Amino acid sequence: MLNIMRNFANLIMTVIFYIIIIITILFIAFVILKVSSNNRNNSNTTNTGEIYGKIIKISSKVENNNSQYCNVDIELLSGKYKGKIITAPNLVA
């Protein structure tokens, strides 16, 4: 009986992990679409101080001080550093 409960707990944790991953991917897709539409809308405007970018790579999850994050490589699409690729941490949970 105890073994069945452990298996069930492991299954629940696995499902929760995959739900978090799916939500993170959907959020990143939303950000990419938002940035893309903003670039089209602001292509003929003056510099507003905003910088737009495109996510090109998401690394695997890392744990640090009870926080989980992944590094995201972003290609800058506007501003002074247009064309450069930066790496930024993205908090997962």
PDB file of N, CA and C in Angstrom:
ATOM      1  N   MET A   1       0.826  -1.203   0.000  1.00  0.00           N
ATOM      2  CA  MET A   1       0.000   0.000   0.000  1.00  0.00           C
ATOM      3  C   MET A   1       0.866   1.261   0.000  1.00  0.00           C
ATOM      4  N   LEU A   2       1.932   1.213   0.812  1.00  0.00           N
ATOM      5  CA  LEU A   2       2.837   2.370   0.894  1.00  0.00           C
ATOM      6  C   LEU A   2       3.517   2.617  -0.453  1.00  0.00           C
ATOM      7  N   ASN A   3       3.850   1.526  -1.139  1.00  0.00           N
ATOM      8  CA  ASN A   3       4.487   1.655  -2.449  1.00  0.00           C
ATOM      9  C   ASN A   3       3.546   2.304  -3.457  1.00  0.00           C
ATOM     10  N   ILE A   4       2.274   1.975  -3.409  1.00  0.00           N
ATOM     11  CA  ILE A   4       1.285   2.576  -4.310  1.00  0.00           C
ATOM     12  C   ILE A   4       1.162   4.067  -4.036  1.00  0.00           C
ATOM     13  N   MET A   5       1.182   4.449  -2.757  1.00  0.00           N
ATOM     14  CA  MET A   5       1.089   5.872  -2.396  1.00  0.00           C
ATOM     15  C   MET A   5       2.316   6.645  -2.877  1.00  0.00           C
ATOM     16  N   ARG A   6       3.489   6.028  -2.778  1.00  0.00           N
ATOM     17  CA  ARG A   6       4.713   6.684  -3.272  1.00  0.00           C
ATOM     18  C   ARG A   6       4.649   6.876  -4.786  1.00  0.00           C
ATOM     19  N   ASN A   7       4.197   5.834  -5.475  1.00  0.00           N
ATOM     20  CA  ASN A   7       4.069   5.942  -6.933  1.00  0.00           C
ATOM     21  C   ASN A   7       3.080   7.039  -7.316  1.00  0.00           C
ATOM     22  N   PHE A   8       1.974   7.128  -6.598  1.00  0.00           N
ATOM     23  CA  PHE A   8       0.980   8.162  -6.870  1.00  0.00           C
ATOM     24  C   PHE A   8       1.554   9.552  -6.616  1.00  0.00           C
ATOM     25  N   ALA A   9       2.314   9.709  -5.518  1.00  0.00           N
ATOM     26  CA  ALA A   9       2.939  11.000  -5.216  1.00  0.00           C
ATOM     27  C   ALA A   9       3.946  11.377  -6.300  1.00  0.00           C
ATOM     28  N   ASN A  10       4.716  10.394  -6.761  1.00  0.00           N
ATOM     29  CA  ASN A  10       5.674  10.670  -7.842  1.00  0.00           C
ATOM     30  C   ASN A  10       4.955  11.071  -9.122  1.00  0.00           C
ATOM     31  N   LEU A  11       3.848  10.429  -9.411  1.00  0.00           N
ATOM     32  CA  LEU A  11       3.069  10.771 -10.596  1.00  0.00           C
ATOM     33  C   LEU A  11       2.542  12.204 -10.503  1.00  0.00           C
ATOM     34  N   ILE A  12       2.022  12.588  -9.350  1.00  0.00           N
ATOM     35  CA  ILE A  12       1.508  13.947  -9.156  1.00  0.00           C
ATOM     36  C   ILE A  12       2.624  14.970  -9.329  1.00  0.00           C
ATOM     37  N   MET A  13       3.790  14.712  -8.754  1.00  0.00           N
ATOM     38  CA  MET A  13       4.917  15.646  -8.877  1.00  0.00           C
ATOM     39  C   MET A  13       5.361  15.766 -10.340  1.00  0.00           C
ATOM     40  N   THR A  14       5.358  14.655 -11.064  1.00  0.00           N
ATOM     41  CA  THR A  14       5.735  14.692 -12.479  1.00  0.00           C
ATOM     42  C   THR A  14       4.736  15.517 -13.281  1.00  0.00           C
ATOM     43  N   VAL A  15       3.458  15.336 -13.021  1.00  0.00           N
ATOM     44  CA  VAL A  15       2.421  16.099 -13.723  1.00  0.00           C
ATOM     45  C   VAL A  15       2.566  17.586 -13.424  1.00  0.00           C
ATOM     46  N   ILE A  16       2.799  17.935 -12.169  1.00  0.00           N
ATOM     47  CA  ILE A  16       2.976  19.345 -11.793  1.00  0.00           C
ATOM     48  C   ILE A  16       4.189  19.931 -12.496  1.00  0.00           C
ATOM     49  N   PHE A  17       5.290  19.171 -12.555  1.00  0.00           N
ATOM     50  CA  PHE A  17       6.497  19.647 -13.233  1.00  0.00           C
ATOM     51  C   PHE A  17       6.204  19.950 -14.709  1.00  0.00           C
ATOM     52  N   TYR A  18       5.514  19.042 -15.395  1.00  0.00           N
ATOM     53  CA  TYR A  18       5.223  19.255 -16.808  1.00  0.00           C
ATOM     54  C   TYR A  18       4.235  20.408 -17.018  1.00  0.00           C
ATOM     55  N   ILE A  19       3.318  20.593 -16.104  1.00  0.00           N
ATOM     56  CA  ILE A  19       2.403  21.735 -16.207  1.00  0.00           C
ATOM     57  C   ILE A  19       3.177  23.042 -16.097  1.00  0.00           C
ATOM     58  N   ILE A  20       4.134  23.104 -15.171  1.00  0.00           N
ATOM     59  CA  ILE A  20       4.963  24.310 -15.028  1.00  0.00           C
ATOM     60  C   ILE A  20       5.765  24.560 -16.302  1.00  0.00           C
ATOM     61  N   ILE A  21       6.330  23.521 -16.882  1.00  0.00           N
ATOM     62  CA  ILE A  21       7.102  23.665 -18.126  1.00  0.00           C
ATOM     63  C   ILE A  21       6.205  24.172 -19.246  1.00  0.00           C
ATOM     64  N   ILE A  22       5.012  23.615 -19.388  1.00  0.00           N
ATOM     65  CA  ILE A  22       4.085  24.038 -20.451  1.00  0.00           C
ATOM     66  C   ILE A  22       3.678  25.488 -20.259  1.00  0.00           C
ATOM     67  N   ILE A  23       3.382  25.886 -19.029  1.00  0.00           N
ATOM     68  CA  ILE A  23       3.008  27.282 -18.758  1.00  0.00           C
ATOM     69  C   ILE A  23       4.162  28.211 -19.095  1.00  0.00           C
ATOM     70  N   THR A  24       5.387  27.827 -18.747  1.00  0.00           N
ATOM     71  CA  THR A  24       6.554  28.647 -19.070  1.00  0.00           C
ATOM     72  C   THR A  24       6.724  28.793 -20.579  1.00  0.00           C
ATOM     73  N   ILE A  25       6.558  27.716 -21.323  1.00  0.00           N
ATOM     74  CA  ILE A  25       6.692  27.771 -22.784  1.00  0.00           C
ATOM     75  C   ILE A  25       5.602  28.659 -23.380  1.00  0.00           C
ATOM     76  N   LEU A  26       4.375  28.536 -22.889  1.00  0.00           N
ATOM     77  CA  LEU A  26       3.296  29.395 -23.388  1.00  0.00           C
ATOM     78  C   LEU A  26       3.569  30.862 -23.079  1.00  0.00           C
ATOM     79  N   PHE A  27       4.091  31.152 -21.892  1.00  0.00           N
ATOM     80  CA  PHE A  27       4.423  32.532 -21.535  1.00  0.00           C
ATOM     81  C   PHE A  27       5.491  33.087 -22.468  1.00  0.00           C
ATOM     82  N   ILE A  28       6.517  32.288 -22.731  1.00  0.00           N
ATOM     83  CA  ILE A  28       7.595  32.740 -23.622  1.00  0.00           C
ATOM     84  C   ILE A  28       7.049  32.960 -25.030  1.00  0.00           C
ATOM     85  N   ALA A  29       6.172  32.071 -25.503  1.00  0.00           N
ATOM     86  CA  ALA A  29       5.568  32.252 -26.829  1.00  0.00           C
ATOM     87  C   ALA A  29       4.746  33.538 -26.867  1.00  0.00           C
ATOM     88  N   PHE A  30       4.002  33.819 -25.802  1.00  0.00           N
ATOM     89  CA  PHE A  30       3.229  35.058 -25.727  1.00  0.00           C
ATOM     90  C   PHE A  30       4.152  36.275 -25.801  1.00  0.00           C
ATOM     91  N   VAL A  31       5.264  36.235 -25.075  1.00  0.00           N
ATOM     92  CA  VAL A  31       6.212  37.353 -25.090  1.00  0.00           C
ATOM     93  C   VAL A  31       6.783  37.545 -26.489  1.00  0.00           C
ATOM     94  N   ILE A  32       7.124  36.443 -27.164  1.00  0.00           N
ATOM     95  CA  ILE A  32       7.670  36.549 -28.524  1.00  0.00           C
ATOM     96  C   ILE A  32       6.642  37.187 -29.454  1.00  0.00           C
ATOM     97  N   LEU A  33       5.386  36.749 -29.379  1.00  0.00           N
ATOM     98  CA  LEU A  33       4.354  37.331 -30.235  1.00  0.00           C
ATOM     99  C   LEU A  33       4.131  38.802 -29.904  1.00  0.00           C
ATOM    100  N   LYS A  34       4.153  39.156 -28.627  1.00  0.00           N
ATOM    101  CA  LYS A  34       3.964  40.547 -28.207  1.00  0.00           C
ATOM    102  C   LYS A  34       5.113  41.416 -28.723  1.00  0.00           C
ATOM    103  N   VAL A  35       6.334  40.939 -28.582  1.00  0.00           N
ATOM    104  CA  VAL A  35       7.495  41.698 -29.067  1.00  0.00           C
ATOM    105  C   VAL A  35       7.422  41.848 -30.575  1.00  0.00           C
ATOM    106  N   SER A  36       7.037  40.788 -31.260  1.00  0.00           N
ATOM    107  CA  SER A  36       6.941  40.838 -32.718  1.00  0.00           C
ATOM    108  C   SER A  36       5.897  41.861 -33.166  1.00  0.00           C
ATOM    109  N   SER A  37       4.741  41.876 -32.518  1.00  0.00           N
ATOM    110  CA  SER A  37       3.713  42.837 -32.905  1.00  0.00           C
ATOM    111  C   SER A  37       4.122  44.259 -32.533  1.00  0.00           C
ATOM    112  N   ASN A  38       4.827  44.435 -31.422  1.00  0.00           N
ATOM    113  CA  ASN A  38       5.310  45.767 -31.047  1.00  0.00           C
ATOM    114  C   ASN A  38       6.330  46.284 -32.052  1.00  0.00           C
ATOM    115  N   ASN A  39       7.178  45.396 -32.560  1.00  0.00           N
ATOM    116  CA  ASN A  39       8.162  45.820 -33.560  1.00  0.00           C
ATOM    117  C   ASN A  39       7.473  46.312 -34.822  1.00  0.00           C
ATOM    118  N   ARG A  40       6.413  45.638 -35.235  1.00  0.00           N
ATOM    119  CA  ARG A  40       5.690  46.082 -36.426  1.00  0.00           C
ATOM    120  C   ARG A  40       4.987  47.408 -36.170  1.00  0.00           C
ATOM    121  N   ASN A  41       4.422  47.577 -34.980  1.00  0.00           N
ATOM    122  CA  ASN A  41       3.692  48.801 -34.664  1.00  0.00           C
ATOM    123  C   ASN A  41       4.610  49.998 -34.431  1.00  0.00           C
ATOM    124  N   ASN A  42       5.825  49.764 -33.962  1.00  0.00           N
ATOM    125  CA  ASN A  42       6.723  50.860 -33.608  1.00  0.00           C
ATOM    126  C   ASN A  42       7.870  51.043 -34.591  1.00  0.00           C
ATOM    127  N   SER A  43       7.794  50.444 -35.758  1.00  0.00           N
ATOM    128  CA  SER A  43       8.920  50.497 -36.680  1.00  0.00           C
ATOM    129  C   SER A  43       9.210  51.906 -37.191  1.00  0.00           C
ATOM    130  N   ASN A  44       8.230  52.795 -37.236  1.00  0.00           N
ATOM    131  CA  ASN A  44       8.445  54.144 -37.748  1.00  0.00           C
ATOM    132  C   ASN A  44       8.385  55.212 -36.662  1.00  0.00           C
ATOM    133  N   THR A  45       8.536  54.819 -35.406  1.00  0.00           N
ATOM    134  CA  THR A  45       8.470  55.790 -34.317  1.00  0.00           C
ATOM    135  C   THR A  45       9.867  56.141 -33.850  1.00  0.00           C
ATOM    136  N   THR A  46       9.960  57.179 -33.027  1.00  0.00           N
ATOM    137  CA  THR A  46      11.246  57.582 -32.483  1.00  0.00           C
ATOM    138  C   THR A  46      11.652  56.637 -31.369  1.00  0.00           C
ATOM    139  N   ASN A  47      12.894  56.739 -30.935  1.00  0.00           N
ATOM    140  CA  ASN A  47      13.420  55.878 -29.880  1.00  0.00           C
ATOM    141  C   ASN A  47      12.707  56.184 -28.568  1.00  0.00           C
ATOM    142  N   THR A  48      12.032  55.193 -28.003  1.00  0.00           N
ATOM    143  CA  THR A  48      11.290  55.385 -26.757  1.00  0.00           C
ATOM    144  C   THR A  48      12.039  54.829 -25.557  1.00  0.00           C
ATOM    145  N   GLY A  49      13.225  54.297 -25.765  1.00  0.00           N
ATOM    146  CA  GLY A  49      13.980  53.691 -24.681  1.00  0.00           C
ATOM    147  C   GLY A  49      13.668  52.219 -24.507  1.00  0.00           C
ATOM    148  N   GLU A  50      12.725  51.701 -25.255  1.00  0.00           N
ATOM    149  CA  GLU A  50      12.393  50.286 -25.173  1.00  0.00           C
ATOM    150  C   GLU A  50      13.324  49.500 -26.091  1.00  0.00           C
ATOM    151  N   ILE A  51      13.660  48.310 -25.661  1.00  0.00           N
ATOM    152  CA  ILE A  51      14.503  47.425 -26.458  1.00  0.00           C
ATOM    153  C   ILE A  51      13.717  46.153 -26.711  1.00  0.00           C
ATOM    154  N   TYR A  52      13.701  45.707 -27.938  1.00  0.00           N
ATOM    155  CA  TYR A  52      12.980  44.502 -28.309  1.00  0.00           C
ATOM    156  C   TYR A  52      13.967  43.396 -28.626  1.00  0.00           C
ATOM    157  N   GLY A  53      13.541  42.153 -28.375  1.00  0.00           N
ATOM    158  CA  GLY A  53      14.414  41.023 -28.632  1.00  0.00           C
ATOM    159  C   GLY A  53      13.635  39.782 -28.992  1.00  0.00           C
ATOM    160  N   LYS A  54      14.378  38.779 -29.423  1.00  0.00           N
ATOM    161  CA  LYS A  54      13.786  37.498 -29.822  1.00  0.00           C
ATOM    162  C   LYS A  54      14.508  36.404 -29.042  1.00  0.00           C
ATOM    163  N   ILE A  55      13.726  35.538 -28.377  1.00  0.00           N
ATOM    164  CA  ILE A  55      14.318  34.423 -27.640  1.00  0.00           C
ATOM    165  C   ILE A  55      14.809  33.402 -28.651  1.00  0.00           C
ATOM    166  N   ILE A  56      16.097  33.038 -28.523  1.00  0.00           N
ATOM    167  CA  ILE A  56      16.652  32.085 -29.478  1.00  0.00           C
ATOM    168  C   ILE A  56      17.058  30.762 -28.822  1.00  0.00           C
ATOM    169  N   LYS A  57      17.174  30.754 -27.481  1.00  0.00           N
ATOM    170  CA  LYS A  57      17.558  29.514 -26.814  1.00  0.00           C
ATOM    171  C   LYS A  57      17.129  29.567 -25.355  1.00  0.00           C
ATOM    172  N   ILE A  58      16.615  28.445 -24.847  1.00  0.00           N
ATOM    173  CA  ILE A  58      16.271  28.313 -23.437  1.00  0.00           C
ATOM    174  C   ILE A  58      17.064  27.133 -22.902  1.00  0.00           C
ATOM    175  N   SER A  59      17.880  27.374 -21.865  1.00  0.00           N
ATOM    176  CA  SER A  59      18.695  26.299 -21.315  1.00  0.00           C
ATOM    177  C   SER A  59      17.890  25.473 -20.320  1.00  0.00           C
ATOM    178  N   SER A  60      18.495  24.419 -19.834  1.00  0.00           N
ATOM    179  CA  SER A  60      17.812  23.558 -18.868  1.00  0.00           C
ATOM    180  C   SER A  60      17.694  24.261 -17.520  1.00  0.00           C
ATOM    181  N   LYS A  61      16.813  23.734 -16.686  1.00  0.00           N
ATOM    182  CA  LYS A  61      16.511  24.341 -15.399  1.00  0.00           C
ATOM    183  C   LYS A  61      17.699  24.204 -14.449  1.00  0.00           C
ATOM    184  N   VAL A  62      17.948  25.263 -13.642  1.00  0.00           N
ATOM    185  CA  VAL A  62      19.031  25.300 -12.663  1.00  0.00           C
ATOM    186  C   VAL A  62      18.437  25.683 -11.317  1.00  0.00           C
ATOM    187  N   GLU A  63      18.955  25.084 -10.235  1.00  0.00           N
ATOM    188  CA  GLU A  63      18.500  25.464  -8.895  1.00  0.00           C
ATOM    189  C   GLU A  63      19.585  26.285  -8.227  1.00  0.00           C
ATOM    190  N   ASN A  64      19.168  27.369  -7.525  1.00  0.00           N
ATOM    191  CA  ASN A  64      20.110  28.229  -6.820  1.00  0.00           C
ATOM    192  C   ASN A  64      19.378  28.855  -5.639  1.00  0.00           C
ATOM    193  N   ASN A  65      19.796  28.537  -4.415  1.00  0.00           N
ATOM    194  CA  ASN A  65      19.186  29.107  -3.203  1.00  0.00           C
ATOM    195  C   ASN A  65      17.673  28.937  -3.180  1.00  0.00           C
ATOM    196  N   ASN A  66      17.201  27.716  -3.375  1.00  0.00           N
ATOM    197  CA  ASN A  66      15.769  27.375  -3.356  1.00  0.00           C
ATOM    198  C   ASN A  66      14.974  28.028  -4.476  1.00  0.00           C
ATOM    199  N   SER A  67      15.616  28.608  -5.458  1.00  0.00           N
ATOM    200  CA  SER A  67      14.937  29.166  -6.629  1.00  0.00           C
ATOM    201  C   SER A  67      15.314  28.329  -7.845  1.00  0.00           C
ATOM    202  N   GLN A  68      14.370  28.148  -8.737  1.00  0.00           N
ATOM    203  CA  GLN A  68      14.642  27.421  -9.971  1.00  0.00           C
ATOM    204  C   GLN A  68      14.518  28.391 -11.138  1.00  0.00           C
ATOM    205  N   TYR A  69      15.509  28.382 -11.996  1.00  0.00           N
ATOM    206  CA  TYR A  69      15.477  29.277 -13.143  1.00  0.00           C
ATOM    207  C   TYR A  69      16.159  28.616 -14.324  1.00  0.00           C
ATOM    208  N   CYS A  70      15.935  29.180 -15.496  1.00  0.00           N
ATOM    209  CA  CYS A  70      16.663  28.750 -16.680  1.00  0.00           C
ATOM    210  C   CYS A  70      17.230  30.003 -17.342  1.00  0.00           C
ATOM    211  N   ASN A  71      18.342  29.837 -18.022  1.00  0.00           N
ATOM    212  CA  ASN A  71      18.931  30.953 -18.746  1.00  0.00           C
ATOM    213  C   ASN A  71      18.312  31.037 -20.138  1.00  0.00           C
ATOM    214  N   VAL A  72      18.047  32.257 -20.577  1.00  0.00           N
ATOM    215  CA  VAL A  72      17.420  32.494 -21.864  1.00  0.00           C
ATOM    216  C   VAL A  72      18.361  33.355 -22.705  1.00  0.00           C
ATOM    217  N   ASP A  73      18.723  32.881 -23.893  1.00  0.00           N
ATOM    218  CA  ASP A  73      19.523  33.676 -24.821  1.00  0.00           C
ATOM    219  C   ASP A  73      18.574  34.495 -25.676  1.00  0.00           C
ATOM    220  N   ILE A  74      18.813  35.811 -25.726  1.00  0.00           N
ATOM    221  CA  ILE A  74      17.939  36.733 -26.441  1.00  0.00           C
ATOM    222  C   ILE A  74      18.757  37.518 -27.453  1.00  0.00           C
ATOM    223  N   GLU A  75      18.290  37.530 -28.697  1.00  0.00           N
ATOM    224  CA  GLU A  75      18.904  38.364 -29.731  1.00  0.00           C
ATOM    225  C   GLU A  75      18.194  39.715 -29.712  1.00  0.00           C
ATOM    226  N   LEU A  76      18.953  40.783 -29.512  1.00  0.00           N
ATOM    227  CA  LEU A  76      18.366  42.123 -29.465  1.00  0.00           C
ATOM    228  C   LEU A  76      18.008  42.574 -30.876  1.00  0.00           C
ATOM    229  N   LEU A  77      16.769  43.058 -31.033  1.00  0.00           N
ATOM    230  CA  LEU A  77      16.267  43.445 -32.352  1.00  0.00           C
ATOM    231  C   LEU A  77      16.203  44.950 -32.548  1.00  0.00           C
ATOM    232  N   SER A  78      16.477  45.718 -31.492  1.00  0.00           N
ATOM    233  CA  SER A  78      16.428  47.173 -31.614  1.00  0.00           C
ATOM    234  C   SER A  78      17.410  47.787 -30.627  1.00  0.00           C
ATOM    235  N   GLY A  79      17.547  49.069 -30.726  1.00  0.00           N
ATOM    236  CA  GLY A  79      18.400  49.798 -29.790  1.00  0.00           C
ATOM    237  C   GLY A  79      19.861  49.803 -30.185  1.00  0.00           C
ATOM    238  N   LYS A  80      20.658  50.347 -29.298  1.00  0.00           N
ATOM    239  CA  LYS A  80      22.090  50.537 -29.521  1.00  0.00           C
ATOM    240  C   LYS A  80      22.826  49.214 -29.778  1.00  0.00           C
ATOM    241  N   TYR A  81      22.378  48.156 -29.130  1.00  0.00           N
ATOM    242  CA  TYR A  81      23.058  46.865 -29.229  1.00  0.00           C
ATOM    243  C   TYR A  81      22.329  45.882 -30.136  1.00  0.00           C
ATOM    244  N   LYS A  82      21.605  46.389 -31.111  1.00  0.00           N
ATOM    245  CA  LYS A  82      20.861  45.550 -32.055  1.00  0.00           C
ATOM    246  C   LYS A  82      21.800  44.510 -32.671  1.00  0.00           C
ATOM    247  N   GLY A  83      21.327  43.252 -32.712  1.00  0.00           N
ATOM    248  CA  GLY A  83      22.119  42.172 -33.287  1.00  0.00           C
ATOM    249  C   GLY A  83      22.922  41.393 -32.258  1.00  0.00           C
ATOM    250  N   LYS A  84      23.141  41.953 -31.075  1.00  0.00           N
ATOM    251  CA  LYS A  84      23.887  41.250 -30.031  1.00  0.00           C
ATOM    252  C   LYS A  84      22.990  40.217 -29.373  1.00  0.00           C
ATOM    253  N   ILE A  85      23.626  39.182 -28.819  1.00  0.00           N
ATOM    254  CA  ILE A  85      22.903  38.144 -28.087  1.00  0.00           C
ATOM    255  C   ILE A  85      23.288  38.254 -26.616  1.00  0.00           C
ATOM    256  N   ILE A  86      22.263  38.351 -25.764  1.00  0.00           N
ATOM    257  CA  ILE A  86      22.502  38.416 -24.328  1.00  0.00           C
ATOM    258  C   ILE A  86      21.875  37.193 -23.663  1.00  0.00           C
ATOM    259  N   THR A  87      22.350  36.869 -22.466  1.00  0.00           N
ATOM    260  CA  THR A  87      21.793  35.772 -21.686  1.00  0.00           C
ATOM    261  C   THR A  87      21.191  36.356 -20.425  1.00  0.00           C
ATOM    262  N   ALA A  88      19.943  36.001 -20.147  1.00  0.00           N
ATOM    263  CA  ALA A  88      19.250  36.515 -18.976  1.00  0.00           C
ATOM    264  C   ALA A  88      18.609  35.356 -18.222  1.00  0.00           C
ATOM    265  N   PRO A  89      18.606  35.429 -16.871  1.00  0.00           N
ATOM    266  CA  PRO A  89      17.932  34.374 -16.104  1.00  0.00           C
ATOM    267  C   PRO A  89      16.428  34.557 -16.144  1.00  0.00           C
ATOM    268  N   ASN A  90      15.681  33.453 -16.199  1.00  0.00           N
ATOM    269  CA  ASN A  90      14.228  33.480 -16.193  1.00  0.00           C
ATOM    270  C   ASN A  90      13.753  32.598 -15.042  1.00  0.00           C
ATOM    271  N   LEU A  91      13.106  33.197 -14.043  1.00  0.00           N
ATOM    272  CA  LEU A  91      12.630  32.470 -12.871  1.00  0.00           C
ATOM    273  C   LEU A  91      11.539  31.491 -13.280  1.00  0.00           C
ATOM    274  N   VAL A  92      11.704  30.213 -12.906  1.00  0.00           N
ATOM    275  CA  VAL A  92      10.744  29.181 -13.270  1.00  0.00           C
ATOM    276  C   VAL A  92       9.735  28.974 -12.143  1.00  0.00           C
ATOM    277  N   ALA A  93      10.223  28.794 -10.937  1.00  0.00           N
ATOM    278  CA  ALA A  93       9.303  28.574  -9.811  1.00  0.00           C
ATOM    279  C   ALA A  93       9.887  29.146  -8.543  1.00  0.00           C
TER     280      ALA A  93
END
